[in-house]
């Protein structure tokens, strides 16, 4: 650490343990975003069918936003004297976002996105709670990212309702 480190706040030497916990949480969030980007690329490329086009377009927009979130997490990790993890530290966790067997199964993709966004929302709320009093900068950043994730989930819940309505009309 530099000799000119802050004497108070999250960057102070006395807050090292708190800072390391926050960096660990931010590293997990970083990987969640990176994994989501990989899965959104696959799920915005593989689907077939006219009804999949709106979902594909939304995922392609979300890729850039999720990548931006990963960049924000990486920057904050560095600001907190952490080291942004490299690819060999990556372990996939998002089974629900794996491409479906049938490329026309857009409902599988929608459900996977809802699950991913819900997981992010839940974890980002944990970060917000953990940083509420100790790290207002990280707290503000994660609150802004949380808003994006809630918007993504809401959009895909709407897509799901539309497919459920179609199924109800067929019954």
C-alpha atoms as a PDB file:
ATOM      1  CA  UNK A   1       0.000   0.000   0.000  1.00  0.00           C
ATOM      2  CA  UNK A   2       1.185   3.544  -0.664  1.00  0.00           C
ATOM      3  CA  UNK A   3       2.719   5.560   2.166  1.00  0.00           C
ATOM      4  CA  UNK A   4       0.044   8.241   1.738  1.00  0.00           C
ATOM      5  CA  UNK A   5      -2.933   6.052   2.593  1.00  0.00           C
ATOM      6  CA  UNK A   6      -5.952   7.584   4.263  1.00  0.00           C
ATOM      7  CA  UNK A   7      -6.096   7.775   8.042  1.00  0.00           C
ATOM      8  CA  UNK A   8      -9.844   7.185   8.145  1.00  0.00           C
ATOM      9  CA  UNK A   9     -12.506   5.485   6.077  1.00  0.00           C
ATOM     10  CA  UNK A  10     -12.400   2.206   4.225  1.00  0.00           C
ATOM     11  CA  UNK A  11      -8.922   2.906   2.801  1.00  0.00           C
ATOM     12  CA  UNK A  12      -7.312   3.269   6.237  1.00  0.00           C
ATOM     13  CA  UNK A  13      -4.988   0.603   7.593  1.00  0.00           C
ATOM     14  CA  UNK A  14      -7.330   0.052  10.529  1.00  0.00           C
ATOM     15  CA  UNK A  15     -10.084  -1.009   8.113  1.00  0.00           C
ATOM     16  CA  UNK A  16      -7.999  -3.615   6.273  1.00  0.00           C
ATOM     17  CA  UNK A  17     -10.158  -6.559   7.390  1.00  0.00           C
ATOM     18  CA  UNK A  18     -13.398  -4.807   6.362  1.00  0.00           C
ATOM     19  CA  UNK A  19     -11.815  -3.837   3.055  1.00  0.00           C
ATOM     20  CA  UNK A  20     -10.692  -7.399   2.335  1.00  0.00           C
ATOM     21  CA  UNK A  21     -14.222  -8.707   2.976  1.00  0.00           C
ATOM     22  CA  UNK A  22     -15.635  -6.104   0.602  1.00  0.00           C
ATOM     23  CA  UNK A  23     -13.022  -6.954  -2.048  1.00  0.00           C
ATOM     24  CA  UNK A  24     -13.993 -10.643  -1.761  1.00  0.00           C
ATOM     25  CA  UNK A  25     -17.655  -9.751  -2.278  1.00  0.00           C
ATOM     26  CA  UNK A  26     -16.823  -7.472  -5.197  1.00  0.00           C
ATOM     27  CA  UNK A  27     -14.712 -10.243  -6.752  1.00  0.00           C
ATOM     28  CA  UNK A  28     -17.685 -12.602  -6.592  1.00  0.00           C
ATOM     29  CA  UNK A  29     -19.917  -9.931  -8.144  1.00  0.00           C
ATOM     30  CA  UNK A  30     -17.298  -9.365 -10.855  1.00  0.00           C
ATOM     31  CA  UNK A  31     -17.349 -13.066 -11.777  1.00  0.00           C
ATOM     32  CA  UNK A  32     -21.153 -13.143 -11.712  1.00  0.00           C
ATOM     33  CA  UNK A  33     -21.201 -10.336 -14.280  1.00  0.00           C
ATOM     34  CA  UNK A  34     -18.493 -11.927 -16.457  1.00  0.00           C
ATOM     35  CA  UNK A  35     -20.301 -15.277 -16.445  1.00  0.00           C
ATOM     36  CA  UNK A  36     -23.571 -13.559 -17.290  1.00  0.00           C
ATOM     37  CA  UNK A  37     -21.905 -11.831 -20.253  1.00  0.00           C
ATOM     38  CA  UNK A  38     -20.651 -15.193 -21.564  1.00  0.00           C
ATOM     39  CA  UNK A  39     -24.084 -16.779 -21.192  1.00  0.00           C
ATOM     40  CA  UNK A  40     -25.913 -13.789 -22.681  1.00  0.00           C
ATOM     41  CA  UNK A  41     -23.641 -13.925 -25.729  1.00  0.00           C
ATOM     42  CA  UNK A  42     -24.538 -17.600 -26.237  1.00  0.00           C
ATOM     43  CA  UNK A  43     -28.226 -17.030 -25.520  1.00  0.00           C
ATOM     44  CA  UNK A  44     -28.417 -14.037 -27.860  1.00  0.00           C
ATOM     45  CA  UNK A  45     -26.820 -16.005 -30.690  1.00  0.00           C
ATOM     46  CA  UNK A  46     -28.239 -19.535 -30.484  1.00  0.00           C
ATOM     47  CA  UNK A  47     -32.034 -19.063 -30.386  1.00  0.00           C
ATOM     48  CA  UNK A  48     -34.155 -19.647 -33.464  1.00  0.00           C
ATOM     49  CA  UNK A  49     -37.611 -18.383 -34.251  1.00  0.00           C
ATOM     50  CA  UNK A  50     -39.471 -15.179 -34.808  1.00  0.00           C
ATOM     51  CA  UNK A  51     -40.683 -15.031 -31.206  1.00  0.00           C
ATOM     52  CA  UNK A  52     -37.077 -15.151 -29.986  1.00  0.00           C
ATOM     53  CA  UNK A  53     -36.072 -11.911 -31.698  1.00  0.00           C
ATOM     54  CA  UNK A  54     -37.191  -9.548 -28.902  1.00  0.00           C
ATOM     55  CA  UNK A  55     -35.359 -11.635 -26.298  1.00  0.00           C
ATOM     56  CA  UNK A  56     -32.241 -11.741 -28.480  1.00  0.00           C
ATOM     57  CA  UNK A  57     -32.298  -7.951 -28.902  1.00  0.00           C
ATOM     58  CA  UNK A  58     -32.721  -7.405 -25.169  1.00  0.00           C
ATOM     59  CA  UNK A  59     -29.881  -9.769 -24.304  1.00  0.00           C
ATOM     60  CA  UNK A  60     -27.567  -8.050 -26.778  1.00  0.00           C
ATOM     61  CA  UNK A  61     -28.270  -4.712 -25.102  1.00  0.00           C
ATOM     62  CA  UNK A  62     -27.781  -6.252 -21.659  1.00  0.00           C
ATOM     63  CA  UNK A  63     -24.375  -7.672 -22.620  1.00  0.00           C
ATOM     64  CA  UNK A  64     -22.899  -4.187 -22.795  1.00  0.00           C
ATOM     65  CA  UNK A  65     -24.502  -3.153 -19.521  1.00  0.00           C
ATOM     66  CA  UNK A  66     -23.356  -6.291 -17.693  1.00  0.00           C
ATOM     67  CA  UNK A  67     -19.840  -5.833 -19.063  1.00  0.00           C
ATOM     68  CA  UNK A  68     -19.947  -2.267 -17.753  1.00  0.00           C
ATOM     69  CA  UNK A  69     -20.920  -3.602 -14.325  1.00  0.00           C
ATOM     70  CA  UNK A  70     -17.950  -5.991 -14.386  1.00  0.00           C
ATOM     71  CA  UNK A  71     -15.679  -3.053 -15.239  1.00  0.00           C
ATOM     72  CA  UNK A  72     -17.099  -1.043 -12.331  1.00  0.00           C
ATOM     73  CA  UNK A  73     -16.497  -3.932  -9.944  1.00  0.00           C
ATOM     74  CA  UNK A  74     -12.954  -4.378 -11.273  1.00  0.00           C
ATOM     75  CA  UNK A  75     -12.171  -0.699 -10.830  1.00  0.00           C
ATOM     76  CA  UNK A  76     -13.516  -0.650  -7.291  1.00  0.00           C
ATOM     77  CA  UNK A  77     -11.538  -3.790  -6.375  1.00  0.00           C
ATOM     78  CA  UNK A  78      -8.383  -1.995  -7.502  1.00  0.00           C
ATOM     79  CA  UNK A  79      -9.331   1.197  -5.613  1.00  0.00           C
ATOM     80  CA  UNK A  80      -9.688  -0.867  -2.440  1.00  0.00           C
ATOM     81  CA  UNK A  81      -6.112  -2.185  -2.869  1.00  0.00           C
ATOM     82  CA  UNK A  82      -7.344  -5.514  -4.176  1.00  0.00           C
ATOM     83  CA  UNK A  83      -6.283  -7.416  -7.268  1.00  0.00           C
ATOM     84  CA  UNK A  84      -8.798  -8.084 -10.021  1.00  0.00           C
ATOM     85  CA  UNK A  85      -8.864 -11.866 -10.508  1.00  0.00           C
ATOM     86  CA  UNK A  86      -7.624 -13.479 -13.701  1.00  0.00           C
ATOM     87  CA  UNK A  87      -9.348 -16.103 -15.814  1.00  0.00           C
ATOM     88  CA  UNK A  88      -7.792 -19.067 -14.020  1.00  0.00           C
ATOM     89  CA  UNK A  89      -9.715 -18.076 -10.901  1.00  0.00           C
ATOM     90  CA  UNK A  90     -13.051 -18.395 -12.696  1.00  0.00           C
ATOM     91  CA  UNK A  91     -15.466 -21.183 -11.726  1.00  0.00           C
ATOM     92  CA  UNK A  92     -18.821 -21.262 -13.542  1.00  0.00           C
ATOM     93  CA  UNK A  93     -21.950 -21.388 -11.397  1.00  0.00           C
ATOM     94  CA  UNK A  94     -24.870 -20.409 -13.640  1.00  0.00           C
ATOM     95  CA  UNK A  95     -26.250 -23.773 -14.747  1.00  0.00           C
ATOM     96  CA  UNK A  96     -29.631 -22.155 -15.417  1.00  0.00           C
ATOM     97  CA  UNK A  97     -28.168 -19.945 -18.182  1.00  0.00           C
ATOM     98  CA  UNK A  98     -26.740 -22.773 -20.257  1.00  0.00           C
ATOM     99  CA  UNK A  99     -28.170 -22.847 -23.784  1.00  0.00           C
ATOM    100  CA  UNK A 100     -31.215 -25.106 -24.148  1.00  0.00           C
ATOM    101  CA  UNK A 101     -31.108 -28.352 -26.111  1.00  0.00           C
ATOM    102  CA  UNK A 102     -33.670 -26.989 -28.582  1.00  0.00           C
ATOM    103  CA  UNK A 103     -32.652 -23.626 -30.012  1.00  0.00           C
ATOM    104  CA  UNK A 104     -36.309 -22.646 -30.260  1.00  0.00           C
ATOM    105  CA  UNK A 105     -36.804 -23.059 -26.485  1.00  0.00           C
ATOM    106  CA  UNK A 106     -36.833 -19.356 -25.693  1.00  0.00           C
ATOM    107  CA  UNK A 107     -38.755 -19.931 -22.445  1.00  0.00           C
ATOM    108  CA  UNK A 108     -35.685 -21.744 -21.083  1.00  0.00           C
ATOM    109  CA  UNK A 109     -33.588 -18.670 -21.889  1.00  0.00           C
ATOM    110  CA  UNK A 110     -36.099 -16.300 -20.279  1.00  0.00           C
ATOM    111  CA  UNK A 111     -36.254 -18.394 -17.105  1.00  0.00           C
ATOM    112  CA  UNK A 112     -32.450 -18.509 -17.002  1.00  0.00           C
ATOM    113  CA  UNK A 113     -32.198 -14.735 -17.271  1.00  0.00           C
ATOM    114  CA  UNK A 114     -34.757 -14.282 -14.491  1.00  0.00           C
ATOM    115  CA  UNK A 115     -32.776 -16.677 -12.289  1.00  0.00           C
ATOM    116  CA  UNK A 116     -29.489 -14.867 -13.048  1.00  0.00           C
ATOM    117  CA  UNK A 117     -30.944 -11.449 -12.344  1.00  0.00           C
ATOM    118  CA  UNK A 118     -32.581 -12.689  -9.143  1.00  0.00           C
ATOM    119  CA  UNK A 119     -29.265 -14.114  -7.952  1.00  0.00           C
ATOM    120  CA  UNK A 120     -27.525 -10.830  -8.720  1.00  0.00           C
ATOM    121  CA  UNK A 121     -30.232  -8.824  -6.948  1.00  0.00           C
ATOM    122  CA  UNK A 122     -30.007 -10.996  -3.847  1.00  0.00           C
ATOM    123  CA  UNK A 123     -26.211 -10.855  -3.712  1.00  0.00           C
ATOM    124  CA  UNK A 124     -25.997  -7.144  -4.474  1.00  0.00           C
ATOM    125  CA  UNK A 125     -28.395  -6.471  -1.612  1.00  0.00           C
ATOM    126  CA  UNK A 126     -25.936  -8.350   0.628  1.00  0.00           C
ATOM    127  CA  UNK A 127     -23.111  -6.100  -0.569  1.00  0.00           C
ATOM    128  CA  UNK A 128     -25.251  -3.021   0.035  1.00  0.00           C
ATOM    129  CA  UNK A 129     -25.970  -4.175   3.571  1.00  0.00           C
ATOM    130  CA  UNK A 130     -22.301  -5.009   4.215  1.00  0.00           C
ATOM    131  CA  UNK A 131     -21.108  -1.598   2.982  1.00  0.00           C
ATOM    132  CA  UNK A 132     -23.930   0.526   4.365  1.00  0.00           C
ATOM    133  CA  UNK A 133     -21.860   2.202   7.063  1.00  0.00           C
ATOM    134  CA  UNK A 134     -18.314   1.193   6.184  1.00  0.00           C
ATOM    135  CA  UNK A 135     -17.924   2.079   2.488  1.00  0.00           C
ATOM    136  CA  UNK A 136     -20.334   4.654   1.031  1.00  0.00           C
ATOM    137  CA  UNK A 137     -18.578   4.700  -2.357  1.00  0.00           C
ATOM    138  CA  UNK A 138     -19.032   0.968  -2.944  1.00  0.00           C
ATOM    139  CA  UNK A 139     -22.519   1.185  -1.463  1.00  0.00           C
ATOM    140  CA  UNK A 140     -23.595   3.896  -3.931  1.00  0.00           C
ATOM    141  CA  UNK A 141     -22.051   2.049  -6.876  1.00  0.00           C
ATOM    142  CA  UNK A 142     -23.795  -1.233  -6.034  1.00  0.00           C
ATOM    143  CA  UNK A 143     -27.133   0.521  -5.475  1.00  0.00           C
ATOM    144  CA  UNK A 144     -26.905   1.928  -9.010  1.00  0.00           C
ATOM    145  CA  UNK A 145     -26.011  -1.500 -10.427  1.00  0.00           C
ATOM    146  CA  UNK A 146     -28.856  -3.074  -8.441  1.00  0.00           C
ATOM    147  CA  UNK A 147     -31.307  -0.734 -10.152  1.00  0.00           C
ATOM    148  CA  UNK A 148     -30.119  -1.981 -13.557  1.00  0.00           C
ATOM    149  CA  UNK A 149     -30.475  -5.614 -12.489  1.00  0.00           C
ATOM    150  CA  UNK A 150     -33.993  -5.034 -11.172  1.00  0.00           C
ATOM    151  CA  UNK A 151     -34.907  -3.461 -14.509  1.00  0.00           C
ATOM    152  CA  UNK A 152     -33.500  -6.433 -16.411  1.00  0.00           C
ATOM    153  CA  UNK A 153     -35.438  -8.891 -14.264  1.00  0.00           C
ATOM    154  CA  UNK A 154     -38.653  -6.917 -14.629  1.00  0.00           C
ATOM    155  CA  UNK A 155     -38.300  -6.883 -18.421  1.00  0.00           C
ATOM    156  CA  UNK A 156     -37.779 -10.645 -18.604  1.00  0.00           C
ATOM    157  CA  UNK A 157     -40.635 -11.284 -16.173  1.00  0.00           C
ATOM    158  CA  UNK A 158     -42.775  -9.444 -18.722  1.00  0.00           C
ATOM    159  CA  UNK A 159     -41.503 -11.720 -21.489  1.00  0.00           C
ATOM    160  CA  UNK A 160     -42.370 -14.723 -19.301  1.00  0.00           C
ATOM    161  CA  UNK A 161     -45.888 -13.448 -18.645  1.00  0.00           C
ATOM    162  CA  UNK A 162     -46.415 -13.070 -22.382  1.00  0.00           C
ATOM    163  CA  UNK A 163     -45.443 -16.712 -22.976  1.00  0.00           C
ATOM    164  CA  UNK A 164     -47.639 -17.840 -20.091  1.00  0.00           C
ATOM    165  CA  UNK A 165     -50.561 -15.885 -21.589  1.00  0.00           C
ATOM    166  CA  UNK A 166     -49.987 -17.645 -24.925  1.00  0.00           C
ATOM    167  CA  UNK A 167     -50.054 -21.017 -23.165  1.00  0.00           C
ATOM    168  CA  UNK A 168     -53.279 -20.069 -21.335  1.00  0.00           C
ATOM    169  CA  UNK A 169     -54.971 -19.130 -24.627  1.00  0.00           C
ATOM    170  CA  UNK A 170     -53.972 -22.461 -26.167  1.00  0.00           C
ATOM    171  CA  UNK A 171     -55.474 -24.441 -23.286  1.00  0.00           C
END
